[in-house]
Amino acid sequence: MLPAANRLRTAADFRETTRHGSRATRGCAVVYLSPLATSGPPRAGLIVGKAVGGSVQRHRAARRIRAALAGEIPGLADGTLVVVRALPGADTDPGLSRDVAAAVAAATAKALRVVSS
């Protein structure tokens, strides 16, 4: 579970991150990342729609993604917003944790290229 300080909660934050953040897709995860969007610690949120499956499959995917994100949060800069969208198959994908880590790294690199140019 993500600490309360690291949870993305408002619809406005989700909307801002998914519309204007850098996007990277790896396997069954799409990561949207908006660097230095706010002050405070980095925050993350999940989008797990019905396309993933029934309630059990969606919750399984959400738990697995949260566990993967917990390891990525300490490496993010303060103020970073991250949204992970689960794609169908996320509940059973054996490489989901690796895919989330790779997508976060790719979205961070893409965001830094955009900021520096």
Foldseek 3Di string as FASTA:
>chain_A
DDPPQAADDDPVLVVCQVVPFFWFFFDFKIKGKDAQQDAFFHHEEEAEDCQQDDPVLSVLLVVVLVVLVNVVRVVGDGNMYMYMYGHHPSNPDPCNSVRSVVGVVVRVVVNVVVVVD
